[in-house]
Amino acid sequence: MSPKIPRPVDPSLHPLVTGNYRLATPAIEAFYELVTRCLRYRIMGALIYGPSQVGKTRAIEYVRLLLARQYPKITTYHAQCEHKPRHAEGPFFAILLEAVGDHAPPSTGTSSAKRSRLSLRIREAAARSGSNAVLMFLDEAQRLNENEYEWLRDVHDVLDRQQIKLFTFLVGQEELLAQKTALQLAGKTQIVARLMVDELAFYGIRNAQDVATCLNGYDQTAYPERTPWSFTRFYIPEALDAGYRLVSDARQLWQTFKAAHHKASLPGNLDLPMESFVRAVETFLKESEITDAPGYCPEPALWTHAVHHCGYIQSRHATGRVLATA
């Protein structure tokens, strides 16, 4: 990083180095709209499903940040569902207890006691915040089975009798939609009507406009906040002062990913995982800072280099997944 222009903070603390930042994508915006719609119309449960690695976990974190700003009184939780050889009530409630901040050892108490403790912790949080609405995001929810859905519904019922509204968002892979269909066919309408009323197909970055939306985030987001130091300026201040913006390369970056996708003979249309996209942009900025200068404009070859090293092709070959737009 050029010493000619001092940065406002130690570069090692920048979010682009620590990874502690989130970008709004069109899919995340749709996710947030779904959540706010559920709050507005008292829809107590919805499912959000999509391929792995398209950014669903990052999306949960971003949506929770937005909710904290727009609805500061509402408590939100993020629970990570685990793969289990057997679905027992105790381990299920231990996961939820950890999510709500109860860190007692998993073996502490009976299943009934854990269930009671979970309701108590949620009631306490609602009382502290001054809102009777509580949101629970369950990540990798396709790992849950029918019994766990029933236990979750029981928690809803207990809290509802105590005037607490628990909104549940089941986030996971496409199997979630198949689970909903199977429950409907089996007549388990009580689960669907409580936990799976609304639904959203989550997706990655699907066109140049999506790329532009994300790149604009780097051009507009400042660190430290309320300073002129956008992420782009932090790495290439001289190029930015001369008029360069990442968003101007949106079509170039999209075409570079498309070319790599087709060259690798990957099936289906390009549905770019957020993880690969972010790594490519970070590589691009870190490489550009070395050669930043007045009037500097990055060459297309640098985007090719960034896409090559972002892991997109390697991960698709490793998983053997078919990528297709919804």
Protein backbone atom coordinates (compact mmCIF):
# COMPACT_ATOMS: atom_id res chain seq x y z
CA MET A 1 0.00 0.00 0.00
CA SER A 2 1.44 3.32 -1.06
CA PRO A 3 2.81 5.36 1.85
CA LYS A 4 2.22 8.55 -0.15
CA ILE A 5 -1.39 8.69 1.00
CA PRO A 6 -1.80 7.80 4.68
CA ARG A 7 -4.83 5.65 5.46
CA PRO A 8 -7.17 6.57 8.33
CA VAL A 9 -6.72 3.18 10.06
CA ASP A 10 -4.20 0.37 10.15
CA PRO A 11 -4.75 -1.62 6.91
CA SER A 12 -4.71 -4.88 8.89
CA LEU A 13 -7.91 -3.75 10.62
CA HIS A 14 -9.82 -3.04 7.42
CA PRO A 15 -12.97 -5.16 6.94
CA LEU A 16 -11.68 -6.33 3.58
CA VAL A 17 -8.76 -7.95 5.44
CA THR A 18 -10.73 -9.24 8.42
CA GLY A 19 -13.69 -10.37 6.29
CA ASN A 20 -16.05 -8.56 8.65
CA TYR A 21 -18.36 -6.95 6.11
CA ARG A 22 -21.50 -7.83 4.18
CA LEU A 23 -22.75 -6.80 0.76
CA ALA A 24 -26.34 -6.28 -0.28
CA THR A 25 -27.30 -8.35 -3.32
CA PRO A 26 -30.68 -8.46 -5.08
CA ALA A 27 -31.33 -11.84 -3.43
CA ILE A 28 -30.54 -10.44 0.03
CA GLU A 29 -32.85 -7.50 -0.62
CA ALA A 30 -35.60 -9.99 -1.54
CA PHE A 31 -34.83 -11.92 1.66
CA TYR A 32 -35.16 -8.76 3.76
CA GLU A 33 -38.44 -7.86 2.02
CA LEU A 34 -39.76 -11.34 2.83
CA VAL A 35 -38.86 -10.93 6.51
CA THR A 36 -40.45 -7.48 6.80
CA ARG A 37 -43.55 -8.74 4.97
CA CYS A 38 -43.87 -11.59 7.46
CA LEU A 39 -43.59 -9.11 10.33
CA ARG A 40 -46.17 -6.80 8.82
CA TYR A 41 -48.76 -9.50 8.10
CA ARG A 42 -47.97 -11.71 11.12
CA ILE A 43 -46.79 -14.62 8.97
CA MET A 44 -45.05 -16.72 11.61
CA GLY A 45 -42.85 -18.90 9.41
CA ALA A 46 -41.17 -18.96 6.01
CA LEU A 47 -38.52 -20.95 4.22
CA ILE A 48 -35.63 -19.62 2.17
CA TYR A 49 -33.95 -22.22 -0.03
CA GLY A 50 -31.17 -22.30 -2.60
CA PRO A 51 -27.96 -24.02 -3.72
CA SER A 52 -25.04 -24.28 -1.34
CA GLN A 53 -22.41 -21.52 -1.27
CA VAL A 54 -24.59 -18.82 -2.83
CA GLY A 55 -24.37 -16.74 0.35
CA LYS A 56 -27.38 -17.72 2.47
CA THR A 57 -25.46 -17.61 5.76
CA ARG A 58 -23.99 -14.19 4.89
CA ALA A 59 -27.51 -13.12 3.94
CA ILE A 60 -28.83 -14.04 7.39
CA GLU A 61 -26.13 -11.91 9.01
CA TYR A 62 -26.84 -8.97 6.68
CA VAL A 63 -30.61 -9.18 7.24
CA ARG A 64 -30.07 -9.25 11.01
CA LEU A 65 -27.90 -6.12 10.77
CA LEU A 66 -30.59 -4.34 8.76
CA LEU A 67 -33.27 -5.42 11.23
CA ALA A 68 -31.17 -4.12 14.14
CA ARG A 69 -31.09 -0.71 12.46
CA GLN A 70 -34.69 -0.57 11.23
CA TYR A 71 -36.37 -2.46 14.10
CA PRO A 72 -34.06 -1.94 17.10
CA LYS A 73 -36.56 -3.36 19.59
CA ILE A 74 -36.93 -6.70 17.85
CA THR A 75 -34.71 -9.53 19.08
CA THR A 76 -33.21 -11.82 16.42
CA TYR A 77 -31.33 -15.11 16.74
CA HIS A 78 -29.26 -17.21 14.35
CA ALA A 79 -29.11 -20.95 15.06
CA GLN A 80 -26.97 -23.40 13.09
CA CYS A 81 -28.69 -26.76 12.58
CA GLU A 82 -26.28 -29.67 12.85
CA HIS A 83 -26.12 -33.00 11.10
CA LYS A 84 -27.03 -35.67 13.63
CA PRO A 85 -27.09 -39.46 13.27
CA ARG A 86 -30.17 -39.49 15.51
CA HIS A 87 -32.70 -36.75 16.06
CA ALA A 88 -33.16 -36.41 19.80
CA GLU A 89 -35.03 -33.69 21.65
CA GLY A 90 -32.18 -32.81 24.01
CA PRO A 91 -29.53 -31.98 21.35
CA PHE A 92 -32.12 -30.07 19.30
CA PHE A 93 -32.98 -27.75 22.19
CA ALA A 94 -29.29 -27.45 23.13
CA ILE A 95 -28.65 -25.85 19.70
CA LEU A 96 -31.48 -23.37 20.17
CA LEU A 97 -30.39 -22.59 23.72
CA GLU A 98 -26.90 -21.76 22.50
CA ALA A 99 -28.40 -19.46 19.85
CA VAL A 100 -30.37 -17.50 22.46
CA GLY A 101 -27.33 -17.08 24.70
CA ASP A 102 -27.89 -19.85 27.23
CA HIS A 103 -24.48 -21.50 27.41
CA ALA A 104 -25.12 -24.12 30.07
CA PRO A 105 -23.43 -27.46 29.24
CA PRO A 106 -25.51 -29.42 26.67
CA SER A 107 -25.96 -32.27 29.14
CA THR A 108 -27.52 -29.99 31.75
CA GLY A 109 -31.16 -30.77 32.46
CA THR A 110 -33.81 -32.93 30.88
CA SER A 111 -35.34 -32.24 27.48
CA SER A 112 -38.36 -30.75 29.21
CA ALA A 113 -36.14 -28.47 31.29
CA LYS A 114 -34.28 -27.31 28.19
CA ARG A 115 -37.56 -26.57 26.44
CA SER A 116 -38.69 -24.48 29.43
CA ARG A 117 -35.36 -22.69 29.59
CA LEU A 118 -35.57 -21.81 25.90
CA SER A 119 -39.01 -20.22 26.34
CA LEU A 120 -37.77 -18.37 29.43
CA ARG A 121 -34.71 -16.93 27.66
CA ILE A 122 -36.83 -15.74 24.72
CA ARG A 123 -39.38 -14.17 27.08
CA GLU A 124 -36.60 -12.41 28.98
CA ALA A 125 -35.12 -11.02 25.75
CA ALA A 126 -38.53 -9.79 24.60
CA ALA A 127 -39.09 -8.08 27.95
CA ARG A 128 -35.70 -6.36 27.77
CA SER A 129 -36.25 -5.12 24.24
CA GLY A 130 -39.80 -3.96 24.78
CA SER A 131 -41.21 -5.89 21.80
CA ASN A 132 -43.21 -9.10 21.79
CA ALA A 133 -41.81 -10.07 18.36
CA VAL A 134 -38.77 -12.38 18.24
CA LEU A 135 -37.13 -13.70 15.05
CA MET A 136 -35.28 -17.01 14.81
CA PHE A 137 -33.21 -17.84 11.70
CA LEU A 138 -32.44 -21.56 11.44
CA ASP A 139 -29.50 -22.12 9.08
CA GLU A 140 -29.06 -25.45 7.23
CA ALA A 141 -32.66 -26.21 8.17
CA GLN A 142 -32.89 -29.05 5.65
CA ARG A 143 -31.16 -31.11 8.37
CA LEU A 144 -34.28 -30.98 10.54
CA ASN A 145 -36.84 -33.76 10.51
CA GLU A 146 -40.55 -33.92 11.21
CA ASN A 147 -40.14 -34.42 14.97
CA GLU A 148 -37.93 -31.33 15.24
CA TYR A 149 -40.48 -29.28 13.33
CA GLU A 150 -43.12 -30.46 15.80
CA TRP A 151 -40.93 -29.49 18.77
CA LEU A 152 -40.36 -26.09 17.19
CA ARG A 153 -44.10 -25.70 16.72
CA ASP A 154 -44.59 -26.51 20.41
CA VAL A 155 -42.21 -23.67 21.29
CA HIS A 156 -44.30 -21.35 19.12
CA ASP A 157 -47.45 -22.41 20.96
CA VAL A 158 -45.95 -21.96 24.43
CA LEU A 159 -44.66 -18.48 23.58
CA ASP A 160 -47.91 -17.52 21.89
CA ARG A 161 -49.83 -18.28 25.09
CA GLN A 162 -47.45 -15.86 26.82
CA GLN A 163 -48.09 -13.15 24.22
CA ILE A 164 -44.71 -13.62 22.50
CA LYS A 165 -44.73 -13.93 18.70
CA LEU A 166 -41.89 -16.14 17.44
CA PHE A 167 -41.19 -15.72 13.72
CA THR A 168 -39.18 -18.62 12.32
CA PHE A 169 -37.18 -18.47 9.08
CA LEU A 170 -35.95 -21.84 7.84
CA VAL A 171 -32.90 -21.28 5.63
CA GLY A 172 -31.28 -24.11 3.71
CA GLN A 173 -30.78 -26.02 0.50
CA GLU A 174 -33.38 -27.01 -2.09
CA GLU A 175 -34.37 -30.06 -0.04
CA LEU A 176 -36.32 -27.65 2.17
CA LEU A 177 -38.92 -27.15 -0.54
CA ALA A 178 -39.19 -30.92 -1.01
CA GLN A 179 -39.71 -31.29 2.75
CA LYS A 180 -42.56 -28.78 2.63
CA THR A 181 -44.19 -30.67 -0.23
CA ALA A 182 -43.78 -34.01 1.57
CA LEU A 183 -45.34 -32.60 4.75
CA GLN A 184 -48.29 -31.25 2.76
CA LEU A 185 -48.82 -34.60 1.06
CA ALA A 186 -48.64 -36.35 4.44
CA GLY A 187 -51.33 -34.04 5.81
CA LYS A 188 -48.98 -32.34 8.29
CA THR A 189 -50.66 -29.03 7.64
CA GLN A 190 -50.11 -27.82 11.20
CA ILE A 191 -46.32 -27.69 10.58
CA VAL A 192 -46.63 -26.04 7.18
CA ALA A 193 -49.20 -23.52 8.41
CA ARG A 194 -46.96 -22.44 11.28
CA LEU A 195 -43.38 -22.73 9.97
CA MET A 196 -43.53 -22.76 6.16
CA VAL A 197 -46.23 -20.34 5.07
CA ASP A 198 -44.16 -18.15 2.78
CA GLU A 199 -41.12 -19.10 0.73
CA LEU A 200 -38.27 -17.59 -1.26
CA ALA A 201 -35.88 -19.13 -3.77
CA PHE A 202 -32.47 -17.69 -2.91
CA TYR A 203 -29.89 -17.27 -5.64
CA GLY A 204 -26.40 -16.00 -6.30
CA ILE A 205 -25.26 -13.33 -8.73
CA ARG A 206 -26.99 -13.95 -12.06
CA ASN A 207 -26.20 -11.05 -14.39
CA ALA A 208 -24.13 -7.92 -14.89
CA GLN A 209 -26.71 -5.79 -13.10
CA ASP A 210 -26.34 -7.95 -9.96
CA VAL A 211 -22.57 -7.52 -10.25
CA ALA A 212 -23.01 -3.74 -10.50
CA THR A 213 -25.18 -3.70 -7.37
CA CYS A 214 -22.46 -5.51 -5.41
CA LEU A 215 -19.53 -3.51 -6.80
CA ASN A 216 -21.38 -0.31 -5.97
CA GLY A 217 -21.29 -1.49 -2.36
CA TYR A 218 -17.47 -1.33 -2.42
CA ASP A 219 -17.61 2.12 -4.02
CA GLN A 220 -20.13 3.50 -1.51
CA THR A 221 -19.43 1.74 1.81
CA ALA A 222 -17.06 3.73 4.02
CA TYR A 223 -14.61 2.51 6.64
CA PRO A 224 -14.34 4.09 9.10
CA GLU A 225 -18.02 4.96 8.85
CA ARG A 226 -19.00 8.53 7.96
CA THR A 227 -15.64 9.23 6.33
CA PRO A 228 -14.81 9.62 2.62
CA TRP A 229 -12.81 6.36 2.75
CA SER A 230 -14.87 3.94 0.69
CA PHE A 231 -13.51 0.40 0.34
CA THR A 232 -12.42 1.30 -3.19
CA ARG A 233 -10.67 4.50 -2.08
CA PHE A 234 -8.85 2.67 0.71
CA TYR A 235 -7.07 0.46 -1.82
CA ILE A 236 -6.75 2.63 -4.92
CA PRO A 237 -7.20 6.27 -3.82
CA GLU A 238 -5.30 7.77 -6.75
CA ALA A 239 -7.28 5.84 -9.34
CA LEU A 240 -10.52 6.79 -7.60
CA ASP A 241 -9.54 10.47 -7.49
CA ALA A 242 -9.00 10.26 -11.24
CA GLY A 243 -12.57 8.99 -11.71
CA TYR A 244 -12.28 5.19 -11.60
CA ARG A 245 -15.03 3.20 -9.87
CA LEU A 246 -15.35 -0.54 -9.48
CA VAL A 247 -18.96 -0.41 -10.67
CA SER A 248 -17.74 0.72 -14.10
CA ASP A 249 -16.17 -2.74 -14.52
CA ALA A 250 -19.38 -4.64 -13.72
CA ARG A 251 -19.91 -5.97 -17.25
CA GLN A 252 -16.22 -6.78 -17.62
CA LEU A 253 -16.25 -8.85 -14.42
CA TRP A 254 -19.46 -10.65 -15.35
CA GLN A 255 -18.13 -11.53 -18.80
CA THR A 256 -14.89 -12.78 -17.24
CA PHE A 257 -16.80 -15.14 -14.93
CA LYS A 258 -18.98 -16.29 -17.85
CA ALA A 259 -15.91 -17.01 -19.97
CA ALA A 260 -14.35 -19.03 -17.13
CA HIS A 261 -17.63 -20.91 -16.60
CA HIS A 262 -17.88 -21.92 -20.27
CA LYS A 263 -14.16 -22.64 -20.68
CA ALA A 264 -14.41 -25.12 -17.82
CA SER A 265 -17.43 -26.74 -19.54
CA LEU A 266 -19.59 -26.31 -16.46
CA PRO A 267 -23.25 -27.16 -17.10
CA GLY A 268 -26.14 -24.78 -16.73
CA ASN A 269 -26.25 -21.00 -16.59
CA LEU A 270 -23.91 -19.02 -14.36
CA ASP A 271 -25.30 -18.53 -10.85
CA LEU A 272 -22.31 -17.07 -9.07
CA PRO A 273 -21.75 -17.90 -5.39
CA MET A 274 -21.19 -14.86 -3.21
CA GLU A 275 -18.07 -16.40 -1.71
CA SER A 276 -16.35 -16.62 -5.11
CA PHE A 277 -17.44 -13.13 -6.11
CA VAL A 278 -16.15 -11.52 -2.90
CA ARG A 279 -12.81 -13.33 -3.14
CA ALA A 280 -12.37 -12.14 -6.75
CA VAL A 281 -13.04 -8.50 -5.84
CA GLU A 282 -10.74 -8.67 -2.82
CA THR A 283 -7.96 -10.15 -4.97
CA PHE A 284 -8.50 -7.43 -7.56
CA LEU A 285 -8.26 -4.62 -5.00
CA LYS A 286 -5.23 -6.04 -3.21
CA GLU A 287 -3.38 -6.48 -6.51
CA SER A 288 -4.42 -3.03 -7.73
CA GLU A 289 -3.11 -1.22 -4.66
CA ILE A 290 0.44 -2.20 -5.66
CA THR A 291 0.22 -0.29 -8.94
CA ASP A 292 -2.17 2.50 -7.94
CA ALA A 293 -1.17 5.84 -9.43
CA PRO A 294 -2.78 9.00 -10.80
CA GLY A 295 -4.92 7.99 -13.76
CA TYR A 296 -4.46 4.28 -13.02
CA CYS A 297 -7.15 2.13 -14.65
CA PRO A 298 -6.92 -1.62 -14.01
CA GLU A 299 -6.46 -3.83 -17.06
CA PRO A 300 -9.05 -6.53 -17.92
CA ALA A 301 -6.26 -9.09 -17.41
CA LEU A 302 -6.34 -8.30 -13.69
CA TRP A 303 -10.00 -9.37 -13.51
CA THR A 304 -9.05 -12.57 -15.31
CA HIS A 305 -6.34 -13.16 -12.71
CA ALA A 306 -8.79 -12.47 -9.86
CA VAL A 307 -11.44 -14.82 -11.25
CA HIS A 308 -8.84 -17.54 -11.79
CA HIS A 309 -7.75 -17.33 -8.15
CA CYS A 310 -11.17 -16.94 -6.51
CA GLY A 311 -11.82 -20.68 -6.35
CA TYR A 312 -15.03 -20.66 -8.39
CA ILE A 313 -14.02 -23.24 -11.00
CA GLN A 314 -12.23 -25.41 -8.45
CA SER A 315 -15.22 -25.52 -6.12
CA ARG A 316 -17.66 -26.32 -8.94
CA HIS A 317 -15.49 -29.17 -10.17
CA ALA A 318 -15.10 -30.43 -6.61
CA THR A 319 -18.82 -30.53 -5.90
CA GLY A 320 -19.86 -31.60 -9.38
CA ARG A 321 -22.98 -29.51 -8.93
CA VAL A 322 -25.10 -28.36 -11.82
CA LEU A 323 -25.48 -24.62 -11.68
CA ALA A 324 -28.72 -23.36 -13.10
CA THR A 325 -30.70 -20.21 -12.60
CA ALA A 326 -34.00 -20.64 -10.88
